[in-house]
Amino acid sequence: MWGLPSRPTGTPVRCSCCRKAIAVQVDNVLVPAVRQLTALGAVPMKRVGWFCSRACVGAYEFRFRVILEPEPFASVEARLSGGKPS
């Protein structure tokens, strides 16, 4: 799963298009962290969730005939940290 050194236990976060596991959520913390996920190409989208790549965003938009709005980075961090951006 994206080069994680070990497999943390928690809720898997999957790409909303291809369902590939891209992270694990443990106590409202993503492993790898939000900054690492976005550096690896993952994309958070409002009201939909995470995508592993822009290609999956495009495939999802085409399949469901929608235009998705990216979620601002700061709001992802704030939501995961209980309202306190890091």
PDB file of N, CA and C in Angstrom:
ATOM      1  N   MET A   1       0.837  -1.180   0.000  1.00  0.00           N
ATOM      2  CA  MET A   1       0.000   0.000   0.000  1.00  0.00           C
ATOM      3  C   MET A   1       0.881   1.242   0.000  1.00  0.00           C
ATOM      4  N   TRP A   2       1.204   1.748  -1.114  1.00  0.00           N
ATOM      5  CA  TRP A   2       1.936   2.987  -1.314  1.00  0.00           C
ATOM      6  C   TRP A   2       3.248   3.035  -0.544  1.00  0.00           C
ATOM      7  N   GLY A   3       3.924   1.937  -0.380  1.00  0.00           N
ATOM      8  CA  GLY A   3       5.243   1.921   0.210  1.00  0.00           C
ATOM      9  C   GLY A   3       5.292   2.131   1.708  1.00  0.00           C
ATOM     10  N   LEU A   4       4.241   1.763   2.429  1.00  0.00           N
ATOM     11  CA  LEU A   4       4.277   1.905   3.878  1.00  0.00           C
ATOM     12  C   LEU A   4       5.266   0.911   4.466  1.00  0.00           C
ATOM     13  N   PRO A   5       6.071   1.336   5.445  1.00  0.00           N
ATOM     14  CA  PRO A   5       7.043   0.427   6.042  1.00  0.00           C
ATOM     15  C   PRO A   5       6.392  -0.712   6.811  1.00  0.00           C
ATOM     16  N   SER A   6       5.260  -0.475   7.422  1.00  0.00           N
ATOM     17  CA  SER A   6       4.532  -1.529   8.128  1.00  0.00           C
ATOM     18  C   SER A   6       3.049  -1.330   7.844  1.00  0.00           C
ATOM     19  N   ARG A   7       2.248  -2.294   8.206  1.00  0.00           N
ATOM     20  CA  ARG A   7       0.814  -2.197   7.949  1.00  0.00           C
ATOM     21  C   ARG A   7       0.082  -1.829   9.235  1.00  0.00           C
ATOM     22  N   PRO A   8      -0.236  -0.524   9.393  1.00  0.00           N
ATOM     23  CA  PRO A   8      -0.974  -0.123  10.585  1.00  0.00           C
ATOM     24  C   PRO A   8      -2.398  -0.672  10.535  1.00  0.00           C
ATOM     25  N   THR A   9      -2.973  -0.914  11.707  1.00  0.00           N
ATOM     26  CA  THR A   9      -4.348  -1.385  11.745  1.00  0.00           C
ATOM     27  C   THR A   9      -5.274  -0.186  11.885  1.00  0.00           C
ATOM     28  N   GLY A  10      -6.387  -0.239  11.220  1.00  0.00           N
ATOM     29  CA  GLY A  10      -7.358   0.845  11.240  1.00  0.00           C
ATOM     30  C   GLY A  10      -8.306   0.669  10.069  1.00  0.00           C
ATOM     31  N   THR A  11      -9.027   1.725   9.757  1.00  0.00           N
ATOM     32  CA  THR A  11      -9.982   1.714   8.661  1.00  0.00           C
ATOM     33  C   THR A  11      -9.280   2.074   7.363  1.00  0.00           C
ATOM     34  N   PRO A  12      -9.341   1.198   6.353  1.00  0.00           N
ATOM     35  CA  PRO A  12      -8.688   1.534   5.089  1.00  0.00           C
ATOM     36  C   PRO A  12      -9.398   2.682   4.386  1.00  0.00           C
ATOM     37  N   VAL A  13      -8.608   3.559   3.791  1.00  0.00           N
ATOM     38  CA  VAL A  13      -9.128   4.638   2.950  1.00  0.00           C
ATOM     39  C   VAL A  13      -8.867   4.199   1.514  1.00  0.00           C
ATOM     40  N   ARG A  14      -9.929   4.081   0.735  1.00  0.00           N
ATOM     41  CA  ARG A  14      -9.819   3.556  -0.627  1.00  0.00           C
ATOM     42  C   ARG A  14     -10.139   4.617  -1.659  1.00  0.00           C
ATOM     43  N   CYS A  15      -9.550   4.457  -2.823  1.00  0.00           N
ATOM     44  CA  CYS A  15      -9.850   5.328  -3.959  1.00  0.00           C
ATOM     45  C   CYS A  15     -11.332   5.168  -4.295  1.00  0.00           C
ATOM     46  N   SER A  16     -12.030   6.271  -4.477  1.00  0.00           N
ATOM     47  CA  SER A  16     -13.465   6.236  -4.759  1.00  0.00           C
ATOM     48  C   SER A  16     -13.773   5.698  -6.148  1.00  0.00           C
ATOM     49  N   CYS A  17     -12.760   5.554  -6.987  1.00  0.00           N
ATOM     50  CA  CYS A  17     -12.970   5.025  -8.339  1.00  0.00           C
ATOM     51  C   CYS A  17     -12.525   3.570  -8.442  1.00  0.00           C
ATOM     52  N   CYS A  18     -11.241   3.307  -8.229  1.00  0.00           N
ATOM     53  CA  CYS A  18     -10.696   1.962  -8.456  1.00  0.00           C
ATOM     54  C   CYS A  18     -10.669   1.099  -7.193  1.00  0.00           C
ATOM     55  N   ARG A  19     -10.965   1.697  -6.037  1.00  0.00           N
ATOM     56  CA  ARG A  19     -11.034   1.009  -4.739  1.00  0.00           C
ATOM     57  C   ARG A  19      -9.680   0.547  -4.202  1.00  0.00           C
ATOM     58  N   LYS A  20      -8.584   1.019  -4.784  1.00  0.00           N
ATOM     59  CA  LYS A  20      -7.254   0.688  -4.281  1.00  0.00           C
ATOM     60  C   LYS A  20      -7.067   1.330  -2.895  1.00  0.00           C
ATOM     61  N   ALA A  21      -6.524   0.584  -1.950  1.00  0.00           N
ATOM     62  CA  ALA A  21      -6.253   1.128  -0.617  1.00  0.00           C
ATOM     63  C   ALA A  21      -5.086   2.107  -0.725  1.00  0.00           C
ATOM     64  N   ILE A  22      -5.323   3.359  -0.298  1.00  0.00           N
ATOM     65  CA  ILE A  22      -4.274   4.372  -0.403  1.00  0.00           C
ATOM     66  C   ILE A  22      -3.779   4.839   0.959  1.00  0.00           C
ATOM     67  N   ALA A  23      -4.533   4.551   2.018  1.00  0.00           N
ATOM     68  CA  ALA A  23      -4.140   4.962   3.371  1.00  0.00           C
ATOM     69  C   ALA A  23      -4.939   4.149   4.376  1.00  0.00           C
ATOM     70  N   VAL A  24      -4.604   4.363   5.640  1.00  0.00           N
ATOM     71  CA  VAL A  24      -5.346   3.771   6.749  1.00  0.00           C
ATOM     72  C   VAL A  24      -5.660   4.897   7.719  1.00  0.00           C
ATOM     73  N   GLN A  25      -6.899   4.942   8.185  1.00  0.00           N
ATOM     74  CA  GLN A  25      -7.276   5.948   9.173  1.00  0.00           C
ATOM     75  C   GLN A  25      -7.270   5.304  10.550  1.00  0.00           C
ATOM     76  N   VAL A  26      -6.413   5.851  11.422  1.00  0.00           N
ATOM     77  CA  VAL A  26      -6.282   5.359  12.793  1.00  0.00           C
ATOM     78  C   VAL A  26      -6.543   6.536  13.725  1.00  0.00           C
ATOM     79  N   ASP A  27      -7.639   6.470  14.484  1.00  0.00           N
ATOM     80  CA  ASP A  27      -7.982   7.546  15.432  1.00  0.00           C
ATOM     81  C   ASP A  27      -7.933   8.925  14.789  1.00  0.00           C
ATOM     82  N   ASN A  28      -8.646   9.124  13.681  1.00  0.00           N
ATOM     83  CA  ASN A  28      -8.722  10.394  12.953  1.00  0.00           C
ATOM     84  C   ASN A  28      -7.373  10.879  12.421  1.00  0.00           C
ATOM     85  N   VAL A  29      -6.437   9.985  12.238  1.00  0.00           N
ATOM     86  CA  VAL A  29      -5.145  10.328  11.644  1.00  0.00           C
ATOM     87  C   VAL A  29      -4.932   9.413  10.445  1.00  0.00           C
ATOM     88  N   LEU A  30      -4.566  10.006   9.316  1.00  0.00           N
ATOM     89  CA  LEU A  30      -4.279   9.198   8.138  1.00  0.00           C
ATOM     90  C   LEU A  30      -2.831   8.759   8.144  1.00  0.00           C
ATOM     91  N   VAL A  31      -2.604   7.505   7.791  1.00  0.00           N
ATOM     92  CA  VAL A  31      -1.258   6.958   7.635  1.00  0.00           C
ATOM     93  C   VAL A  31      -1.176   6.419   6.213  1.00  0.00           C
ATOM     94  N   PRO A  32      -0.366   6.956   5.325  1.00  0.00           N
ATOM     95  CA  PRO A  32       0.497   8.125   5.485  1.00  0.00           C
ATOM     96  C   PRO A  32      -0.305   9.413   5.658  1.00  0.00           C
ATOM     97  N   ALA A  33       0.372  10.464   6.119  1.00  0.00           N
ATOM     98  CA  ALA A  33      -0.270  11.747   6.407  1.00  0.00           C
ATOM     99  C   ALA A  33      -0.821  12.385   5.133  1.00  0.00           C
ATOM    100  N   VAL A  34      -1.715  13.346   5.319  1.00  0.00           N
ATOM    101  CA  VAL A  34      -2.366  14.028   4.201  1.00  0.00           C
ATOM    102  C   VAL A  34      -1.328  14.612   3.243  1.00  0.00           C
ATOM    103  N   ARG A  35      -0.300  15.257   3.780  1.00  0.00           N
ATOM    104  CA  ARG A  35       0.735  15.855   2.911  1.00  0.00           C
ATOM    105  C   ARG A  35       1.450  14.793   2.082  1.00  0.00           C
ATOM    106  N   GLN A  36       1.715  13.645   2.680  1.00  0.00           N
ATOM    107  CA  GLN A  36       2.373  12.563   1.937  1.00  0.00           C
ATOM    108  C   GLN A  36       1.450  11.996   0.859  1.00  0.00           C
ATOM    109  N   LEU A  37       0.175  11.841   1.190  1.00  0.00           N
ATOM    110  CA  LEU A  37      -0.782  11.321   0.207  1.00  0.00           C
ATOM    111  C   LEU A  37      -0.871  12.225  -1.016  1.00  0.00           C
ATOM    112  N   THR A  38      -0.988  13.527  -0.768  1.00  0.00           N
ATOM    113  CA  THR A  38      -1.096  14.447  -1.900  1.00  0.00           C
ATOM    114  C   THR A  38       0.215  14.508  -2.685  1.00  0.00           C
ATOM    115  N   ALA A  39       1.353  14.375  -2.006  1.00  0.00           N
ATOM    116  CA  ALA A  39       2.643  14.350  -2.711  1.00  0.00           C
ATOM    117  C   ALA A  39       2.758  13.116  -3.600  1.00  0.00           C
ATOM    118  N   LEU A  40       2.101  12.023  -3.200  1.00  0.00           N
ATOM    119  CA  LEU A  40       2.113  10.795  -3.987  1.00  0.00           C
ATOM    120  C   LEU A  40       1.075  10.815  -5.106  1.00  0.00           C
ATOM    121  N   GLY A  41       0.287  11.889  -5.178  1.00  0.00           N
ATOM    122  CA  GLY A  41      -0.681  12.027  -6.265  1.00  0.00           C
ATOM    123  C   GLY A  41      -2.127  11.801  -5.879  1.00  0.00           C
ATOM    124  N   ALA A  42      -2.399  11.471  -4.624  1.00  0.00           N
ATOM    125  CA  ALA A  42      -3.783  11.273  -4.189  1.00  0.00           C
ATOM    126  C   ALA A  42      -4.511  12.619  -4.168  1.00  0.00           C
ATOM    127  N   VAL A  43      -5.817  12.575  -4.439  1.00  0.00           N
ATOM    128  CA  VAL A  43      -6.604  13.793  -4.562  1.00  0.00           C
ATOM    129  C   VAL A  43      -7.859  13.683  -3.697  1.00  0.00           C
ATOM    130  N   PRO A  44      -8.044  14.609  -2.711  1.00  0.00           N
ATOM    131  CA  PRO A  44      -9.289  14.620  -1.939  1.00  0.00           C
ATOM    132  C   PRO A  44     -10.353  15.434  -2.666  1.00  0.00           C
ATOM    133  N   MET A  45     -11.568  14.904  -2.735  1.00  0.00           N
ATOM    134  CA  MET A  45     -12.666  15.612  -3.396  1.00  0.00           C
ATOM    135  C   MET A  45     -13.821  15.801  -2.429  1.00  0.00           C
ATOM    136  N   LYS A  46     -14.415  16.998  -2.478  1.00  0.00           N
ATOM    137  CA  LYS A  46     -15.548  17.311  -1.601  1.00  0.00           C
ATOM    138  C   LYS A  46     -16.690  16.333  -1.838  1.00  0.00           C
ATOM    139  N   ARG A  47     -17.300  15.899  -0.772  1.00  0.00           N
ATOM    140  CA  ARG A  47     -18.502  15.058  -0.764  1.00  0.00           C
ATOM    141  C   ARG A  47     -18.343  13.704  -1.455  1.00  0.00           C
ATOM    142  N   VAL A  48     -17.125  13.343  -1.873  1.00  0.00           N
ATOM    143  CA  VAL A  48     -16.922  12.050  -2.532  1.00  0.00           C
ATOM    144  C   VAL A  48     -15.874  11.236  -1.793  1.00  0.00           C
ATOM    145  N   GLY A  49     -14.752  11.830  -1.459  1.00  0.00           N
ATOM    146  CA  GLY A  49     -13.684  11.121  -0.770  1.00  0.00           C
ATOM    147  C   GLY A  49     -12.365  11.252  -1.493  1.00  0.00           C
ATOM    148  N   TRP A  50     -11.525  10.253  -1.326  1.00  0.00           N
ATOM    149  CA  TRP A  50     -10.183  10.263  -1.890  1.00  0.00           C
ATOM    150  C   TRP A  50     -10.123   9.510  -3.211  1.00  0.00           C
ATOM    151  N   PHE A  51      -9.221   9.966  -4.083  1.00  0.00           N
ATOM    152  CA  PHE A  51      -8.889   9.281  -5.324  1.00  0.00           C
ATOM    153  C   PHE A  51      -7.388   9.062  -5.328  1.00  0.00           C
ATOM    154  N   CYS A  52      -6.935   7.952  -5.896  1.00  0.00           N
ATOM    155  CA  CYS A  52      -5.501   7.652  -5.888  1.00  0.00           C
ATOM    156  C   CYS A  52      -4.737   8.499  -6.906  1.00  0.00           C
ATOM    157  N   SER A  53      -5.439   9.054  -7.906  1.00  0.00           N
ATOM    158  CA  SER A  53      -4.759   9.846  -8.939  1.00  0.00           C
ATOM    159  C   SER A  53      -5.759  10.733  -9.674  1.00  0.00           C
ATOM    160  N   ARG A  54      -5.230  11.696 -10.430  1.00  0.00           N
ATOM    161  CA  ARG A  54      -6.081  12.532 -11.278  1.00  0.00           C
ATOM    162  C   ARG A  54      -6.755  11.680 -12.355  1.00  0.00           C
ATOM    163  N   ALA A  55      -6.097  10.612 -12.795  1.00  0.00           N
ATOM    164  CA  ALA A  55      -6.693   9.734 -13.804  1.00  0.00           C
ATOM    165  C   ALA A  55      -7.972   9.099 -13.261  1.00  0.00           C
ATOM    166  N   CYS A  56      -7.967   8.679 -11.997  1.00  0.00           N
ATOM    167  CA  CYS A  56      -9.164   8.102 -11.400  1.00  0.00           C
ATOM    168  C   CYS A  56     -10.253   9.169 -11.221  1.00  0.00           C
ATOM    169  N   VAL A  57      -9.868  10.405 -10.933  1.00  0.00           N
ATOM    170  CA  VAL A  57     -10.848  11.491 -10.856  1.00  0.00           C
ATOM    171  C   VAL A  57     -11.539  11.632 -12.206  1.00  0.00           C
ATOM    172  N   GLY A  58     -10.748  11.661 -13.279  1.00  0.00           N
ATOM    173  CA  GLY A  58     -11.305  11.792 -14.627  1.00  0.00           C
ATOM    174  C   GLY A  58     -12.210  10.629 -14.990  1.00  0.00           C
ATOM    175  N   ALA A  59     -11.803   9.419 -14.644  1.00  0.00           N
ATOM    176  CA  ALA A  59     -12.624   8.235 -14.940  1.00  0.00           C
ATOM    177  C   ALA A  59     -13.946   8.288 -14.183  1.00  0.00           C
ATOM    178  N   TYR A  60     -13.899   8.700 -12.922  1.00  0.00           N
ATOM    179  CA  TYR A  60     -15.110   8.807 -12.104  1.00  0.00           C
ATOM    180  C   TYR A  60     -16.055   9.860 -12.691  1.00  0.00           C
ATOM    181  N   GLU A  61     -15.492  11.033 -13.044  1.00  0.00           N
ATOM    182  CA  GLU A  61     -16.308  12.105 -13.626  1.00  0.00           C
ATOM    183  C   GLU A  61     -16.959  11.635 -14.930  1.00  0.00           C
ATOM    184  N   PHE A  62     -16.214  10.919 -15.748  1.00  0.00           N
ATOM    185  CA  PHE A  62     -16.751  10.415 -17.012  1.00  0.00           C
ATOM    186  C   PHE A  62     -17.837   9.376 -16.765  1.00  0.00           C
ATOM    187  N   ARG A  63     -17.566   8.440 -15.878  1.00  0.00           N
ATOM    188  CA  ARG A  63     -18.513   7.350 -15.611  1.00  0.00           C
ATOM    189  C   ARG A  63     -19.840   7.873 -15.075  1.00  0.00           C
ATOM    190  N   PHE A  64     -19.776   8.838 -14.147  1.00  0.00           N
ATOM    191  CA  PHE A  64     -21.000   9.325 -13.505  1.00  0.00           C
ATOM    192  C   PHE A  64     -21.489  10.663 -14.053  1.00  0.00           C
ATOM    193  N   ARG A  65     -20.812  11.168 -15.081  1.00  0.00           N
ATOM    194  CA  ARG A  65     -21.185  12.429 -15.735  1.00  0.00           C
ATOM    195  C   ARG A  65     -21.351  13.569 -14.721  1.00  0.00           C
ATOM    196  N   VAL A  66     -20.312  13.757 -13.918  1.00  0.00           N
ATOM    197  CA  VAL A  66     -20.281  14.817 -12.907  1.00  0.00           C
ATOM    198  C   VAL A  66     -18.975  15.582 -13.038  1.00  0.00           C
ATOM    199  N   ILE A  67     -18.944  16.761 -12.443  1.00  0.00           N
ATOM    200  CA  ILE A  67     -17.709  17.535 -12.332  1.00  0.00           C
ATOM    201  C   ILE A  67     -17.441  17.690 -10.845  1.00  0.00           C
ATOM    202  N   LEU A  68     -16.320  17.139 -10.393  1.00  0.00           N
ATOM    203  CA  LEU A  68     -15.988  17.144  -8.972  1.00  0.00           C
ATOM    204  C   LEU A  68     -15.201  18.388  -8.594  1.00  0.00           C
ATOM    205  N   GLU A  69     -15.362  18.790  -7.348  1.00  0.00           N
ATOM    206  CA  GLU A  69     -14.660  19.950  -6.815  1.00  0.00           C
ATOM    207  C   GLU A  69     -13.620  19.481  -5.806  1.00  0.00           C
ATOM    208  N   PRO A  70     -12.345  19.798  -6.033  1.00  0.00           N
ATOM    209  CA  PRO A  70     -11.310  19.382  -5.080  1.00  0.00           C
ATOM    210  C   PRO A  70     -11.546  19.997  -3.702  1.00  0.00           C
ATOM    211  N   GLU A  71     -11.191  19.259  -2.671  1.00  0.00           N
ATOM    212  CA  GLU A  71     -11.306  19.771  -1.307  1.00  0.00           C
ATOM    213  C   GLU A  71      -9.992  20.450  -0.942  1.00  0.00           C
ATOM    214  N   PRO A  72     -10.066  21.695  -0.429  1.00  0.00           N
ATOM    215  CA  PRO A  72      -8.826  22.384  -0.052  1.00  0.00           C
ATOM    216  C   PRO A  72      -8.031  21.585   0.976  1.00  0.00           C
ATOM    217  N   PHE A  73      -6.716  21.603   0.813  1.00  0.00           N
ATOM    218  CA  PHE A  73      -5.805  20.858   1.670  1.00  0.00           C
ATOM    219  C   PHE A  73      -6.028  21.162   3.143  1.00  0.00           C
ATOM    220  N   ALA A  74      -6.163  22.451   3.493  1.00  0.00           N
ATOM    221  CA  ALA A  74      -6.313  22.852   4.894  1.00  0.00           C
ATOM    222  C   ALA A  74      -7.598  22.284   5.492  1.00  0.00           C
ATOM    223  N   SER A  75      -8.659  22.189   4.686  1.00  0.00           N
ATOM    224  CA  SER A  75      -9.912  21.682   5.234  1.00  0.00           C
ATOM    225  C   SER A  75      -9.833  20.179   5.488  1.00  0.00           C
ATOM    226  N   VAL A  76      -9.055  19.458   4.689  1.00  0.00           N
ATOM    227  CA  VAL A  76      -8.852  18.015   4.933  1.00  0.00           C
ATOM    228  C   VAL A  76      -8.132  17.821   6.255  1.00  0.00           C
ATOM    229  N   GLU A  77      -7.056  18.569   6.449  1.00  0.00           N
ATOM    230  CA  GLU A  77      -6.302  18.456   7.699  1.00  0.00           C
ATOM    231  C   GLU A  77      -7.142  18.857   8.904  1.00  0.00           C
ATOM    232  N   ALA A  78      -7.942  19.940   8.771  1.00  0.00           N
ATOM    233  CA  ALA A  78      -8.768  20.398   9.880  1.00  0.00           C
ATOM    234  C   ALA A  78      -9.830  19.351  10.228  1.00  0.00           C
ATOM    235  N   ARG A  79     -10.446  18.749   9.217  1.00  0.00           N
ATOM    236  CA  ARG A  79     -11.487  17.755   9.463  1.00  0.00           C
ATOM    237  C   ARG A  79     -10.917  16.536  10.189  1.00  0.00           C
ATOM    238  N   LEU A  80      -9.722  16.123   9.788  1.00  0.00           N
ATOM    239  CA  LEU A  80      -9.109  14.946  10.396  1.00  0.00           C
ATOM    240  C   LEU A  80      -8.562  15.214  11.792  1.00  0.00           C
ATOM    241  N   SER A  81      -8.208  16.462  12.065  1.00  0.00           N
ATOM    242  CA  SER A  81      -7.636  16.759  13.372  1.00  0.00           C
ATOM    243  C   SER A  81      -8.670  17.347  14.332  1.00  0.00           C
ATOM    244  N   GLY A  82      -9.939  17.254  13.977  1.00  0.00           N
ATOM    245  CA  GLY A  82     -10.985  17.765  14.862  1.00  0.00           C
ATOM    246  C   GLY A  82     -11.074  19.272  14.866  1.00  0.00           C
ATOM    247  N   GLY A  83     -10.747  19.915  13.741  1.00  0.00           N
ATOM    248  CA  GLY A  83     -10.853  21.360  13.635  1.00  0.00           C
ATOM    249  C   GLY A  83      -9.576  22.111  13.898  1.00  0.00           C
ATOM    250  N   LYS A  84      -8.479  21.402  14.140  1.00  0.00           N
ATOM    251  CA  LYS A  84      -7.198  22.069  14.419  1.00  0.00           C
ATOM    252  C   LYS A  84      -6.206  21.713  13.326  1.00  0.00           C
ATOM    253  N   PRO A  85      -6.040  22.600  12.291  1.00  0.00           N
ATOM    254  CA  PRO A  85      -5.063  22.275  11.251  1.00  0.00           C
ATOM    255  C   PRO A  85      -3.662  22.214  11.816  1.00  0.00           C
ATOM    256  N   SER A  86      -2.840  21.300  11.272  1.00  0.00           N
ATOM    257  CA  SER A  86      -1.476  21.161  11.783  1.00  0.00           C
ATOM    258  C   SER A  86      -0.536  22.150  11.160  1.00  0.00           C
TER     259      SER A  86
END
